[in-house]
Amino acid sequence: MEIIKQLREMTGAGIVDCKKALDEANNDLRVAVEILRKKGIAKAAKRIDRETNEGVVKVAVAAAAGEAYIFELTSETDFVSRNDKFQKFADEVMDLVLSLRPENLEALLSLPMAESNVKDNLAVLSGTIGEKMEIRRFARLHGASLAAYSHLGGKLGVLVALDQAGKEELAMTVAMQVAAANPKYIEPSEVEAGELEKEKEIYREQLLKEGKPEAMIEKILEGKVTKYYSEVCLVEQEFIKDDKKKVKDILGGAKILGFVRFSL
């Protein structure tokens, strides 16, 4: 019973599953863990076609490293996403991320965890709880000032990086702007030419249907494009705390190096 208890604590699997795994492994704890992991992976694979639209977005700043991190751990139901084991796993993964600083999602999933790695331990948790789970997205930012903003009980997370040190409060204000206004780009120069032309074509069709003369259309288009930039470009957006200002007006010479927004 003692070794069964130990195996349960290591894997979160039920008593019957633990006993079967130990029998199969001739009471070798390490082999039994591997057997349960494989079963977890098999169970998770059967749920591959299920939707995972619930979960939690985790954010954190490693100020000493000049980096901020964000990842999304998903489940099928809100009930599971609020489960203590699910939340504990998310916290443990973020602890690993802060310590080992993976560069991308593949590296995150390969981080060492409980005699294996994050990917295998997630499969075990998925098999134990009985729902498909994924770490679907991961990103990190570098900057002199960083902010990590969590909203809606972890359903929405934002990172922001600025180029000037000592601007953490400003970075957090910008992160709240990103959370509320959901920009696609930092500034107009980043908008792809094809996307802009598509928008112009839509506006042209609308103006022609309204009976506007050709000579006026190009002039009107300028205003339409400016309005489009104010919707999709962060620095051109109306500042959420003062609608008489744009975001670029509050930066005080600081430059936004990047932002990331994950939402469930």
Protein backbone atom coordinates (compact mmCIF):
# COMPACT_ATOMS: atom_id res chain seq x y z
CA MET A 1 0.00 0.00 0.00
CA GLU A 2 2.91 2.35 0.72
CA ILE A 3 4.35 2.05 -2.77
CA ILE A 4 0.85 2.46 -4.27
CA LYS A 5 0.42 5.64 -2.25
CA GLN A 6 3.79 6.90 -3.46
CA LEU A 7 2.90 6.17 -7.08
CA ARG A 8 -0.43 7.97 -6.68
CA GLU A 9 1.32 11.05 -5.32
CA MET A 10 3.78 11.02 -8.21
CA THR A 11 1.23 10.56 -10.98
CA GLY A 12 -2.21 11.49 -9.64
CA ALA A 13 -3.56 8.18 -11.00
CA GLY A 14 -6.20 6.10 -9.21
CA ILE A 15 -5.50 3.17 -6.85
CA VAL A 16 -6.56 0.48 -9.33
CA ASP A 17 -4.45 1.96 -12.16
CA CYS A 18 -1.46 2.26 -9.83
CA LYS A 19 -1.79 -1.35 -8.63
CA LYS A 20 -2.02 -2.65 -12.21
CA ALA A 21 1.00 -0.60 -13.26
CA LEU A 22 3.06 -1.84 -10.29
CA ASP A 23 2.10 -5.45 -11.02
CA GLU A 24 3.15 -4.98 -14.63
CA ALA A 25 6.39 -3.31 -13.52
CA ASN A 26 7.23 -5.90 -10.84
CA ASN A 27 6.96 -3.13 -8.21
CA ASP A 28 9.61 -0.99 -9.92
CA LEU A 29 8.33 2.51 -9.18
CA ARG A 30 10.13 4.20 -12.06
CA VAL A 31 8.85 1.66 -14.61
CA ALA A 32 5.34 1.96 -13.16
CA VAL A 33 5.44 5.73 -13.62
CA GLU A 34 6.45 5.23 -17.25
CA ILE A 35 3.59 2.74 -17.78
CA LEU A 36 1.08 5.24 -16.38
CA ARG A 37 2.55 8.02 -18.51
CA LYS A 38 2.09 5.91 -21.59
CA LYS A 39 -1.50 5.18 -20.59
CA GLY A 40 -2.03 8.87 -20.04
CA ILE A 41 -0.70 9.62 -23.48
CA ALA A 42 -2.96 6.96 -24.99
CA LYS A 43 -6.03 8.36 -23.24
CA ALA A 44 -5.15 11.88 -24.33
CA ALA A 45 -4.72 10.73 -27.93
CA LYS A 46 -8.31 9.41 -28.00
CA ARG A 47 -9.51 12.91 -27.18
CA ILE A 48 -7.49 14.56 -29.93
CA ASP A 49 -10.58 15.82 -31.79
CA ARG A 50 -12.16 17.53 -28.79
CA GLU A 51 -12.23 21.30 -28.41
CA THR A 52 -10.12 22.87 -25.67
CA ASN A 53 -11.56 26.35 -25.26
CA GLU A 54 -11.32 26.67 -21.49
CA GLY A 55 -8.20 26.99 -19.37
CA VAL A 56 -5.86 29.62 -18.01
CA VAL A 57 -3.39 32.12 -19.43
CA LYS A 58 -0.29 32.46 -17.25
CA VAL A 59 1.95 35.54 -17.36
CA ALA A 60 5.13 36.49 -15.51
CA VAL A 61 8.09 38.86 -15.63
CA ALA A 62 11.72 37.88 -14.94
CA ALA A 63 13.00 41.42 -14.37
CA ALA A 64 16.62 40.37 -13.76
CA ALA A 65 16.67 38.57 -17.12
CA GLY A 66 14.85 41.40 -18.90
CA GLU A 67 12.22 38.94 -20.13
CA ALA A 68 8.48 38.33 -19.77
CA TYR A 69 6.60 35.09 -20.51
CA ILE A 70 3.08 34.02 -21.38
CA PHE A 71 1.53 30.63 -22.11
CA GLU A 72 -1.93 29.17 -22.45
CA LEU A 73 -2.91 25.90 -20.74
CA THR A 74 -6.26 24.69 -22.06
CA SER A 75 -8.91 22.15 -21.10
CA GLU A 76 -12.29 21.11 -22.44
CA THR A 77 -14.40 22.45 -19.57
CA ASP A 78 -14.31 25.35 -17.14
CA PHE A 79 -14.85 22.86 -14.31
CA VAL A 80 -11.49 21.23 -15.02
CA SER A 81 -9.70 24.55 -15.59
CA ARG A 82 -10.65 25.51 -12.01
CA ASN A 83 -9.42 22.16 -10.65
CA ASP A 84 -6.60 22.48 -8.09
CA LYS A 85 -4.40 19.98 -9.96
CA PHE A 86 -4.84 21.90 -13.21
CA GLN A 87 -3.99 25.24 -11.60
CA LYS A 88 -1.05 23.72 -9.68
CA PHE A 89 0.35 22.27 -12.89
CA ALA A 90 0.09 25.67 -14.60
CA ASP A 91 1.96 27.29 -11.70
CA GLU A 92 4.67 24.61 -11.77
CA VAL A 93 5.18 25.07 -15.51
CA MET A 94 5.54 28.83 -15.07
CA ASP A 95 8.11 28.24 -12.29
CA LEU A 96 10.09 26.12 -14.77
CA VAL A 97 9.76 28.77 -17.47
CA LEU A 98 11.09 31.48 -15.13
CA SER A 99 13.98 29.26 -14.11
CA LEU A 100 14.99 27.76 -17.46
CA ARG A 101 13.78 30.44 -19.93
CA PRO A 102 12.69 28.35 -22.96
CA GLU A 103 12.82 30.09 -26.34
CA ASN A 104 9.68 28.60 -27.88
CA LEU A 105 6.75 26.23 -27.31
CA GLU A 106 8.72 23.13 -28.30
CA ALA A 107 11.44 24.01 -25.77
CA LEU A 108 8.82 24.63 -23.07
CA LEU A 109 7.23 21.21 -23.62
CA SER A 110 10.67 19.61 -23.36
CA LEU A 111 11.57 21.21 -20.02
CA PRO A 112 12.52 18.58 -17.39
CA MET A 113 9.71 17.79 -14.97
CA ALA A 114 9.20 14.89 -12.52
CA GLU A 115 11.71 12.49 -14.10
CA SER A 116 10.39 13.26 -17.58
CA ASN A 117 9.29 16.51 -19.22
CA VAL A 118 6.38 18.96 -19.29
CA LYS A 119 4.73 17.30 -22.30
CA ASP A 120 4.65 13.85 -20.70
CA ASN A 121 3.45 15.16 -17.34
CA LEU A 122 0.65 17.04 -19.08
CA ALA A 123 -0.36 13.80 -20.80
CA VAL A 124 -0.47 12.05 -17.42
CA LEU A 125 -2.62 14.81 -15.95
CA SER A 126 -4.90 14.65 -18.98
CA GLY A 127 -5.28 10.89 -18.59
CA THR A 128 -5.87 11.16 -14.85
CA ILE A 129 -8.53 13.87 -15.04
CA GLY A 130 -10.09 12.51 -18.22
CA GLU A 131 -10.02 15.58 -20.45
CA LYS A 132 -7.87 16.68 -23.34
CA MET A 133 -5.38 19.36 -22.23
CA GLU A 134 -2.86 21.36 -24.23
CA ILE A 135 -0.25 24.05 -23.83
CA ARG A 136 -1.31 25.63 -27.07
CA ARG A 137 0.68 28.86 -27.24
CA PHE A 138 3.80 30.31 -25.65
CA ALA A 139 5.63 33.60 -26.17
CA ARG A 140 8.30 35.71 -24.52
CA LEU A 141 9.38 39.33 -24.84
CA HIS A 142 12.63 41.17 -24.12
CA GLY A 143 12.75 44.77 -22.95
CA ALA A 144 14.17 47.35 -20.56
CA SER A 145 10.74 47.72 -18.90
CA LEU A 146 8.20 44.90 -18.90
CA ALA A 147 4.62 44.31 -17.80
CA ALA A 148 2.58 41.12 -17.42
CA TYR A 149 -1.15 41.77 -17.02
CA SER A 150 -3.74 39.12 -16.15
CA HIS A 151 -7.47 39.80 -16.48
CA LEU A 152 -10.80 37.97 -16.19
CA GLY A 153 -9.48 35.44 -13.69
CA GLY A 154 -6.68 34.31 -15.97
CA LYS A 155 -8.80 34.06 -19.15
CA LEU A 156 -6.87 36.95 -20.70
CA GLY A 157 -3.16 37.72 -20.45
CA VAL A 158 -0.97 40.46 -21.93
CA LEU A 159 2.77 41.15 -22.10
CA VAL A 160 4.28 44.51 -23.05
CA ALA A 161 7.94 45.46 -23.54
CA LEU A 162 9.33 49.03 -23.65
CA ASP A 163 12.81 50.21 -24.65
CA GLN A 164 13.46 52.43 -21.60
CA ALA A 165 14.25 51.27 -18.06
CA GLY A 166 12.17 52.36 -15.08
CA LYS A 167 8.94 52.54 -17.09
CA GLU A 168 7.16 49.53 -15.57
CA GLU A 169 4.09 51.55 -14.60
CA LEU A 170 3.77 52.86 -18.16
CA ALA A 171 4.24 49.34 -19.50
CA MET A 172 1.38 48.12 -17.29
CA THR A 173 -0.85 50.97 -18.51
CA VAL A 174 -0.10 49.98 -22.11
CA ALA A 175 -0.80 46.32 -21.25
CA MET A 176 -4.25 47.30 -19.94
CA GLN A 177 -4.82 49.19 -23.21
CA VAL A 178 -3.90 46.07 -25.20
CA ALA A 179 -6.25 43.95 -23.08
CA ALA A 180 -9.17 46.34 -23.63
CA ALA A 181 -8.64 47.45 -27.24
CA ASN A 182 -7.05 44.33 -28.80
CA PRO A 183 -4.73 45.95 -31.38
CA LYS A 184 -3.13 43.88 -34.17
CA TYR A 185 -0.03 46.01 -34.72
CA ILE A 186 2.14 48.49 -32.85
CA GLU A 187 2.20 51.18 -35.56
CA PRO A 188 0.88 51.80 -39.12
CA SER A 189 4.16 50.84 -40.81
CA GLU A 190 3.57 47.24 -39.69
CA VAL A 191 0.24 46.90 -41.52
CA GLU A 192 0.75 44.68 -44.55
CA ALA A 193 0.24 46.36 -47.91
CA GLY A 194 -2.16 43.65 -49.05
CA GLU A 195 -4.35 44.07 -45.99
CA LEU A 196 -4.45 47.84 -46.44
CA GLU A 197 -5.36 47.54 -50.12
CA LYS A 198 -8.16 45.14 -49.23
CA GLU A 199 -9.57 47.66 -46.75
CA LYS A 200 -9.31 50.46 -49.33
CA GLU A 201 -11.15 48.35 -51.89
CA ILE A 202 -13.98 47.76 -49.44
CA TYR A 203 -14.18 51.50 -48.71
CA ARG A 204 -14.15 52.34 -52.45
CA GLU A 205 -17.06 50.00 -53.11
CA GLN A 206 -19.01 51.54 -50.24
CA LEU A 207 -18.35 55.10 -51.46
CA LEU A 208 -19.28 54.26 -55.07
CA LYS A 209 -22.56 52.74 -53.90
CA GLU A 210 -23.23 55.92 -51.94
CA GLY A 211 -22.85 57.85 -55.18
CA LYS A 212 -19.69 59.74 -54.26
CA PRO A 213 -17.88 61.20 -57.29
CA GLU A 214 -14.56 59.58 -58.27
CA ALA A 215 -12.66 62.83 -57.63
CA MET A 216 -13.72 62.80 -53.97
CA ILE A 217 -13.17 59.13 -53.26
CA GLU A 218 -9.36 59.22 -52.87
CA LYS A 219 -9.62 62.14 -50.45
CA ILE A 220 -12.27 60.37 -48.40
CA LEU A 221 -10.14 57.20 -48.44
CA GLU A 222 -7.36 59.03 -46.58
CA GLY A 223 -9.70 59.63 -43.67
CA LYS A 224 -10.97 56.03 -43.79
CA VAL A 225 -7.40 54.69 -43.65
CA THR A 226 -6.58 56.97 -40.70
CA LYS A 227 -9.64 55.59 -38.89
CA TYR A 228 -8.56 52.03 -39.72
CA TYR A 229 -5.12 52.68 -38.23
CA SER A 230 -6.77 54.04 -35.08
CA GLU A 231 -8.55 50.71 -34.64
CA VAL A 232 -5.76 48.21 -35.37
CA CYS A 233 -2.52 50.04 -34.46
CA LEU A 234 -1.71 50.36 -30.75
CA VAL A 235 0.02 53.76 -30.84
CA GLU A 236 -2.82 55.27 -32.90
CA GLN A 237 -5.61 53.97 -30.65
CA GLU A 238 -7.67 56.24 -28.44
CA PHE A 239 -6.23 55.97 -24.93
CA ILE A 240 -8.69 54.09 -22.73
CA LYS A 241 -8.13 56.39 -19.72
CA ASP A 242 -8.42 59.68 -21.65
CA ASP A 243 -10.25 59.74 -24.99
CA LYS A 244 -8.67 63.10 -25.87
CA LYS A 245 -5.29 61.36 -26.20
CA LYS A 246 -3.85 58.60 -28.33
CA VAL A 247 -1.56 55.94 -26.89
CA LYS A 248 1.45 57.55 -28.61
CA ASP A 249 0.75 60.70 -26.58
CA ILE A 250 1.37 58.96 -23.25
CA LEU A 251 4.67 57.26 -24.13
CA GLY A 252 6.88 60.25 -23.29
CA GLY A 253 9.63 59.22 -25.67
CA ALA A 254 9.53 55.51 -24.79
CA LYS A 255 9.10 53.02 -27.61
CA ILE A 256 6.90 49.92 -27.53
CA LEU A 257 9.14 47.02 -28.54
CA GLY A 258 6.37 44.44 -28.60
CA PHE A 259 3.18 43.10 -27.09
CA VAL A 260 1.49 39.71 -26.83
CA ARG A 261 -2.20 39.13 -26.05
CA PHE A 262 -3.67 35.65 -25.39
CA SER A 263 -7.40 35.30 -24.74
CA LEU A 264 -9.57 32.27 -24.06
